[in-house]
Amino acid sequence: MEATRFFKLLGDETRLEILTFLLDGEKCVCQIFPKVKRAQSTVSLQLGKLEQAGLLYSRREGKKVFYGIKDSRVYNAFKAIGYAKARLAKKECCCKTRITSARRFGKVSRGIYGTGVTGVI
């Protein structure tokens, strides 16, 4: 994806709020729309755009649909503007490398972006 398209996607307030909320990890649509204070149809439309662009992934569990951040550039963009939640720990998954918020690991980072710097997040 070209940089212009990437930043256009981040330029929408609703999409930016969704991505900010998802920095902590995947969430169900039923958790996302009240948090961003938009109608469920609006949130679903924006989630679809973010997924189609490859920034998010989705998975279904029964009737619930969960979304999470797929593209590490999202984390990098938030990190570049100094957003504290964007500090990450990488976790190997059976199917691919997933990027997960360091908060899932007891708020202790084992190294940020391979720098070997550790500390409490």
N, C-alpha and C. Protein backbone atom coordinates (compact mmCIF):
# COMPACT_ATOMS: atom_id res chain seq x y z
N MET A 1 0.85 -1.17 0.00
CA MET A 1 0.00 0.00 0.00
C MET A 1 0.89 1.23 0.00
N GLU A 2 0.55 2.18 -0.83
CA GLU A 2 1.33 3.39 -0.91
C GLU A 2 1.07 4.28 0.31
N ALA A 3 2.02 5.13 0.62
CA ALA A 3 1.95 5.98 1.81
C ALA A 3 0.74 6.92 1.79
N THR A 4 0.41 7.46 0.63
CA THR A 4 -0.73 8.38 0.53
C THR A 4 -2.02 7.70 0.96
N ARG A 5 -2.24 6.50 0.46
CA ARG A 5 -3.46 5.76 0.80
C ARG A 5 -3.47 5.40 2.29
N PHE A 6 -2.32 4.99 2.83
CA PHE A 6 -2.20 4.64 4.23
C PHE A 6 -2.60 5.82 5.11
N PHE A 7 -2.04 7.01 4.83
CA PHE A 7 -2.33 8.17 5.66
C PHE A 7 -3.74 8.70 5.44
N LYS A 8 -4.31 8.49 4.25
CA LYS A 8 -5.71 8.85 4.03
C LYS A 8 -6.62 8.02 4.93
N LEU A 9 -6.29 6.74 5.06
CA LEU A 9 -7.07 5.87 5.94
C LEU A 9 -6.99 6.33 7.39
N LEU A 10 -5.81 6.80 7.80
CA LEU A 10 -5.64 7.29 9.17
C LEU A 10 -6.24 8.68 9.35
N GLY A 11 -6.55 9.35 8.25
CA GLY A 11 -7.06 10.72 8.31
C GLY A 11 -8.52 10.84 8.73
N ASP A 12 -9.26 9.75 8.71
CA ASP A 12 -10.66 9.78 9.12
C ASP A 12 -10.74 9.60 10.65
N GLU A 13 -11.49 10.48 11.31
CA GLU A 13 -11.57 10.45 12.77
C GLU A 13 -12.10 9.12 13.32
N THR A 14 -13.12 8.58 12.69
CA THR A 14 -13.69 7.31 13.16
C THR A 14 -12.67 6.18 13.02
N ARG A 15 -12.02 6.10 11.86
CA ARG A 15 -11.03 5.04 11.65
C ARG A 15 -9.86 5.20 12.62
N LEU A 16 -9.44 6.42 12.87
CA LEU A 16 -8.35 6.66 13.81
C LEU A 16 -8.73 6.23 15.22
N GLU A 17 -9.95 6.51 15.65
CA GLU A 17 -10.42 6.09 16.96
C GLU A 17 -10.49 4.57 17.06
N ILE A 18 -10.93 3.93 15.99
CA ILE A 18 -10.99 2.46 15.97
C ILE A 18 -9.59 1.88 16.12
N LEU A 19 -8.65 2.36 15.34
CA LEU A 19 -7.28 1.85 15.40
C LEU A 19 -6.66 2.10 16.77
N THR A 20 -6.92 3.26 17.34
CA THR A 20 -6.40 3.57 18.67
C THR A 20 -6.93 2.57 19.69
N PHE A 21 -8.22 2.26 19.61
CA PHE A 21 -8.83 1.31 20.53
C PHE A 21 -8.27 -0.10 20.34
N LEU A 22 -7.93 -0.44 19.11
CA LEU A 22 -7.43 -1.79 18.82
C LEU A 22 -5.93 -1.97 19.11
N LEU A 23 -5.24 -0.91 19.52
CA LEU A 23 -3.83 -1.04 19.86
C LEU A 23 -3.62 -2.02 21.02
N ASP A 24 -4.61 -2.16 21.89
CA ASP A 24 -4.51 -3.08 23.03
C ASP A 24 -4.74 -4.53 22.64
N GLY A 25 -5.22 -4.78 21.45
CA GLY A 25 -5.50 -6.15 21.02
C GLY A 25 -6.86 -6.23 20.35
N GLU A 26 -7.17 -7.41 19.87
CA GLU A 26 -8.42 -7.56 19.12
C GLU A 26 -9.63 -7.35 20.00
N LYS A 27 -10.69 -6.83 19.36
CA LYS A 27 -11.93 -6.54 20.06
C LYS A 27 -13.11 -6.95 19.18
N CYS A 28 -14.22 -7.25 19.83
CA CYS A 28 -15.47 -7.56 19.14
C CYS A 28 -16.10 -6.24 18.68
N VAL A 29 -16.86 -6.30 17.59
CA VAL A 29 -17.56 -5.11 17.10
C VAL A 29 -18.45 -4.53 18.21
N CYS A 30 -19.04 -5.41 19.02
CA CYS A 30 -19.92 -4.96 20.09
C CYS A 30 -19.16 -4.16 21.15
N GLN A 31 -17.84 -4.28 21.22
CA GLN A 31 -17.02 -3.48 22.12
C GLN A 31 -16.54 -2.20 21.45
N ILE A 32 -16.37 -2.25 20.14
CA ILE A 32 -15.79 -1.12 19.42
C ILE A 32 -16.78 0.03 19.27
N PHE A 33 -18.00 -0.25 18.79
CA PHE A 33 -18.88 0.87 18.46
C PHE A 33 -19.28 1.72 19.66
N PRO A 34 -19.48 1.17 20.87
CA PRO A 34 -19.77 2.08 21.99
C PRO A 34 -18.54 2.93 22.39
N LYS A 35 -17.36 2.36 22.23
CA LYS A 35 -16.13 3.06 22.62
C LYS A 35 -15.86 4.27 21.72
N VAL A 36 -16.12 4.13 20.44
CA VAL A 36 -15.86 5.23 19.51
C VAL A 36 -17.07 6.15 19.36
N LYS A 37 -18.16 5.81 20.05
CA LYS A 37 -19.37 6.64 20.10
C LYS A 37 -19.93 6.94 18.70
N ARG A 38 -20.03 5.89 17.91
CA ARG A 38 -20.62 5.96 16.58
C ARG A 38 -21.64 4.84 16.46
N ALA A 39 -22.53 4.96 15.50
CA ALA A 39 -23.51 3.90 15.24
C ALA A 39 -22.80 2.64 14.77
N GLN A 40 -23.41 1.49 15.05
CA GLN A 40 -22.79 0.23 14.66
C GLN A 40 -22.60 0.14 13.15
N SER A 41 -23.55 0.68 12.39
CA SER A 41 -23.41 0.64 10.93
C SER A 41 -22.21 1.46 10.46
N THR A 42 -21.97 2.61 11.09
CA THR A 42 -20.83 3.45 10.74
C THR A 42 -19.53 2.74 11.06
N VAL A 43 -19.47 2.13 12.24
CA VAL A 43 -18.27 1.40 12.66
C VAL A 43 -18.02 0.22 11.73
N SER A 44 -19.05 -0.51 11.39
CA SER A 44 -18.90 -1.67 10.50
C SER A 44 -18.38 -1.24 9.12
N LEU A 45 -18.89 -0.13 8.62
CA LEU A 45 -18.43 0.38 7.33
C LEU A 45 -16.94 0.72 7.39
N GLN A 46 -16.53 1.41 8.44
CA GLN A 46 -15.12 1.81 8.58
C GLN A 46 -14.22 0.60 8.83
N LEU A 47 -14.69 -0.37 9.60
CA LEU A 47 -13.92 -1.61 9.81
C LEU A 47 -13.71 -2.32 8.48
N GLY A 48 -14.74 -2.34 7.66
CA GLY A 48 -14.63 -2.96 6.34
C GLY A 48 -13.57 -2.29 5.47
N LYS A 49 -13.54 -0.97 5.50
CA LYS A 49 -12.53 -0.24 4.73
C LYS A 49 -11.12 -0.54 5.23
N LEU A 50 -10.96 -0.57 6.56
CA LEU A 50 -9.64 -0.86 7.13
C LEU A 50 -9.21 -2.30 6.84
N GLU A 51 -10.16 -3.22 6.87
CA GLU A 51 -9.84 -4.63 6.56
C GLU A 51 -9.51 -4.79 5.09
N GLN A 52 -10.28 -4.17 4.23
CA GLN A 52 -10.04 -4.26 2.79
C GLN A 52 -8.66 -3.70 2.42
N ALA A 53 -8.22 -2.67 3.15
CA ALA A 53 -6.91 -2.07 2.90
C ALA A 53 -5.78 -2.91 3.48
N GLY A 54 -6.11 -3.92 4.28
CA GLY A 54 -5.08 -4.80 4.84
C GLY A 54 -4.52 -4.34 6.18
N LEU A 55 -5.14 -3.33 6.79
CA LEU A 55 -4.66 -2.85 8.08
C LEU A 55 -5.21 -3.69 9.24
N LEU A 56 -6.38 -4.30 9.04
CA LEU A 56 -7.01 -5.12 10.08
C LEU A 56 -7.25 -6.53 9.57
N TYR A 57 -7.39 -7.46 10.52
CA TYR A 57 -7.87 -8.80 10.21
C TYR A 57 -9.17 -8.99 10.98
N SER A 58 -9.96 -9.95 10.57
CA SER A 58 -11.17 -10.27 11.31
C SER A 58 -11.27 -11.78 11.47
N ARG A 59 -11.96 -12.17 12.53
CA ARG A 59 -12.25 -13.58 12.73
C ARG A 59 -13.62 -13.68 13.38
N ARG A 60 -14.32 -14.75 13.04
CA ARG A 60 -15.67 -14.95 13.55
C ARG A 60 -15.66 -16.02 14.62
N GLU A 61 -16.37 -15.75 15.71
CA GLU A 61 -16.60 -16.71 16.78
C GLU A 61 -18.09 -16.76 17.02
N GLY A 62 -18.76 -17.76 16.45
CA GLY A 62 -20.21 -17.81 16.54
C GLY A 62 -20.82 -16.62 15.80
N LYS A 63 -21.61 -15.83 16.51
CA LYS A 63 -22.22 -14.65 15.90
C LYS A 63 -21.36 -13.40 16.04
N LYS A 64 -20.30 -13.48 16.81
CA LYS A 64 -19.45 -12.31 17.05
C LYS A 64 -18.30 -12.26 16.05
N VAL A 65 -17.95 -11.03 15.65
CA VAL A 65 -16.82 -10.81 14.76
C VAL A 65 -15.79 -9.97 15.53
N PHE A 66 -14.56 -10.46 15.56
CA PHE A 66 -13.47 -9.79 16.25
C PHE A 66 -12.52 -9.19 15.23
N TYR A 67 -12.01 -8.00 15.54
CA TYR A 67 -11.06 -7.32 14.67
C TYR A 67 -9.78 -7.05 15.44
N GLY A 68 -8.66 -7.08 14.73
CA GLY A 68 -7.36 -6.76 15.30
C GLY A 68 -6.48 -6.13 14.25
N ILE A 69 -5.41 -5.52 14.69
CA ILE A 69 -4.49 -4.85 13.77
C ILE A 69 -3.58 -5.90 13.12
N LYS A 70 -3.54 -5.86 11.80
CA LYS A 70 -2.76 -6.81 11.01
C LYS A 70 -1.44 -6.22 10.53
N ASP A 71 -1.45 -4.95 10.18
CA ASP A 71 -0.30 -4.29 9.56
C ASP A 71 0.54 -3.56 10.62
N SER A 72 1.79 -3.93 10.75
CA SER A 72 2.66 -3.33 11.77
C SER A 72 2.90 -1.84 11.54
N ARG A 73 2.65 -1.36 10.33
CA ARG A 73 2.82 0.07 10.07
C ARG A 73 1.87 0.92 10.90
N VAL A 74 0.74 0.34 11.29
CA VAL A 74 -0.20 1.07 12.16
C VAL A 74 0.49 1.37 13.49
N TYR A 75 1.11 0.33 14.08
CA TYR A 75 1.83 0.53 15.34
C TYR A 75 2.98 1.52 15.16
N ASN A 76 3.69 1.41 14.05
CA ASN A 76 4.81 2.31 13.79
C ASN A 76 4.35 3.76 13.68
N ALA A 77 3.20 3.99 13.04
CA ALA A 77 2.67 5.34 12.90
C ALA A 77 2.33 5.93 14.27
N PHE A 78 1.69 5.14 15.13
CA PHE A 78 1.35 5.62 16.46
C PHE A 78 2.61 5.83 17.30
N LYS A 79 3.59 4.96 17.12
CA LYS A 79 4.85 5.12 17.85
C LYS A 79 5.56 6.40 17.41
N ALA A 80 5.51 6.69 16.12
CA ALA A 80 6.17 7.88 15.58
C ALA A 80 5.60 9.17 16.16
N ILE A 81 4.31 9.16 16.49
CA ILE A 81 3.72 10.37 17.08
C ILE A 81 3.77 10.33 18.61
N GLY A 82 4.45 9.33 19.15
CA GLY A 82 4.66 9.27 20.59
C GLY A 82 3.53 8.68 21.39
N TYR A 83 2.69 7.88 20.76
CA TYR A 83 1.56 7.29 21.45
C TYR A 83 2.05 6.09 22.26
N ALA A 84 1.92 6.14 23.58
CA ALA A 84 2.52 5.15 24.48
C ALA A 84 2.00 3.74 24.27
N LYS A 85 0.73 3.56 23.89
CA LYS A 85 0.19 2.22 23.71
C LYS A 85 0.85 1.47 22.56
N ALA A 86 1.52 2.17 21.69
CA ALA A 86 2.09 1.55 20.50
C ALA A 86 3.40 0.82 20.76
N ARG A 87 3.86 0.82 22.00
CA ARG A 87 5.05 0.02 22.32
C ARG A 87 4.65 -1.44 22.23
N LEU A 88 5.41 -2.20 21.51
CA LEU A 88 4.99 -3.55 21.18
C LEU A 88 5.94 -4.63 21.64
N ALA A 89 5.39 -5.81 21.72
CA ALA A 89 6.20 -7.02 21.86
C ALA A 89 5.75 -7.93 20.73
N LYS A 90 6.68 -8.59 20.08
CA LYS A 90 6.32 -9.50 19.00
C LYS A 90 6.17 -10.90 19.57
N LYS A 91 5.13 -11.58 19.13
CA LYS A 91 4.84 -12.92 19.62
C LYS A 91 4.67 -13.83 18.42
N GLU A 92 5.35 -14.95 18.44
CA GLU A 92 5.23 -15.90 17.35
C GLU A 92 3.91 -16.66 17.48
N CYS A 93 3.24 -16.79 16.39
CA CYS A 93 1.99 -17.54 16.32
C CYS A 93 2.24 -18.73 15.41
N CYS A 94 1.38 -19.73 15.49
CA CYS A 94 1.59 -20.93 14.67
C CYS A 94 1.48 -20.64 13.18
N CYS A 95 0.74 -19.59 12.80
CA CYS A 95 0.54 -19.34 11.38
C CYS A 95 1.32 -18.14 10.86
N LYS A 96 1.68 -17.20 11.73
CA LYS A 96 2.41 -16.01 11.29
C LYS A 96 2.88 -15.25 12.51
N THR A 97 3.73 -14.28 12.30
CA THR A 97 4.15 -13.43 13.41
C THR A 97 3.04 -12.44 13.68
N ARG A 98 2.56 -12.44 14.91
CA ARG A 98 1.53 -11.48 15.30
C ARG A 98 2.17 -10.41 16.17
N ILE A 99 1.70 -9.22 16.00
CA ILE A 99 2.20 -8.15 16.84
C ILE A 99 1.14 -7.89 17.89
N THR A 100 1.55 -7.96 19.12
CA THR A 100 0.62 -7.86 20.23
C THR A 100 1.09 -6.77 21.18
N SER A 101 0.16 -6.10 21.78
CA SER A 101 0.50 -5.06 22.74
C SER A 101 1.27 -5.66 23.90
N ALA A 102 2.27 -4.95 24.37
CA ALA A 102 3.09 -5.43 25.49
C ALA A 102 2.27 -5.56 26.76
N ARG A 103 1.13 -4.94 26.82
CA ARG A 103 0.29 -5.03 28.01
C ARG A 103 -0.17 -6.45 28.29
N ARG A 104 -0.25 -7.28 27.28
CA ARG A 104 -0.66 -8.68 27.49
C ARG A 104 0.40 -9.47 28.23
N PHE A 105 1.62 -8.96 28.31
CA PHE A 105 2.71 -9.67 28.92
C PHE A 105 3.05 -9.10 30.29
N GLY A 106 2.03 -8.76 31.07
CA GLY A 106 2.26 -8.30 32.43
C GLY A 106 2.86 -6.91 32.50
N LYS A 107 2.63 -6.08 31.47
CA LYS A 107 3.13 -4.71 31.42
C LYS A 107 4.65 -4.61 31.47
N VAL A 108 5.34 -5.68 31.18
CA VAL A 108 6.80 -5.63 31.12
C VAL A 108 7.22 -5.98 29.72
N SER A 109 8.03 -5.15 29.13
CA SER A 109 8.49 -5.37 27.78
C SER A 109 9.78 -6.18 27.79
N ARG A 110 9.92 -7.08 26.86
CA ARG A 110 11.14 -7.87 26.74
C ARG A 110 12.08 -7.25 25.71
N GLY A 111 11.79 -6.07 25.27
CA GLY A 111 12.61 -5.40 24.27
C GLY A 111 11.71 -4.74 23.26
N ILE A 112 11.95 -3.51 22.97
CA ILE A 112 11.10 -2.77 22.05
C ILE A 112 11.78 -2.69 20.71
N TYR A 113 11.14 -3.26 19.71
CA TYR A 113 11.65 -3.26 18.35
C TYR A 113 13.08 -3.75 18.24
N GLY A 114 13.39 -4.80 18.99
CA GLY A 114 14.68 -5.43 18.86
C GLY A 114 15.84 -4.60 19.40
N THR A 115 15.55 -3.58 20.21
CA THR A 115 16.62 -2.73 20.71
C THR A 115 17.27 -3.32 21.95
N GLY A 116 16.59 -4.28 22.58
CA GLY A 116 17.11 -4.85 23.81
C GLY A 116 16.78 -3.99 25.02
N VAL A 117 16.08 -2.87 24.78
CA VAL A 117 15.68 -1.98 25.88
C VAL A 117 14.48 -2.60 26.57
N THR A 118 14.59 -2.80 27.86
CA THR A 118 13.48 -3.38 28.60
C THR A 118 13.03 -2.40 29.67
N GLY A 119 11.83 -2.63 30.16
CA GLY A 119 11.33 -1.77 31.22
C GLY A 119 9.84 -1.90 31.36
N VAL A 120 9.31 -1.22 32.31
CA VAL A 120 7.87 -1.26 32.55
C VAL A 120 7.18 -0.32 31.61
N ILE A 121 6.13 -0.80 31.02
CA ILE A 121 5.35 0.01 30.08
C ILE A 121 4.25 0.71 30.85
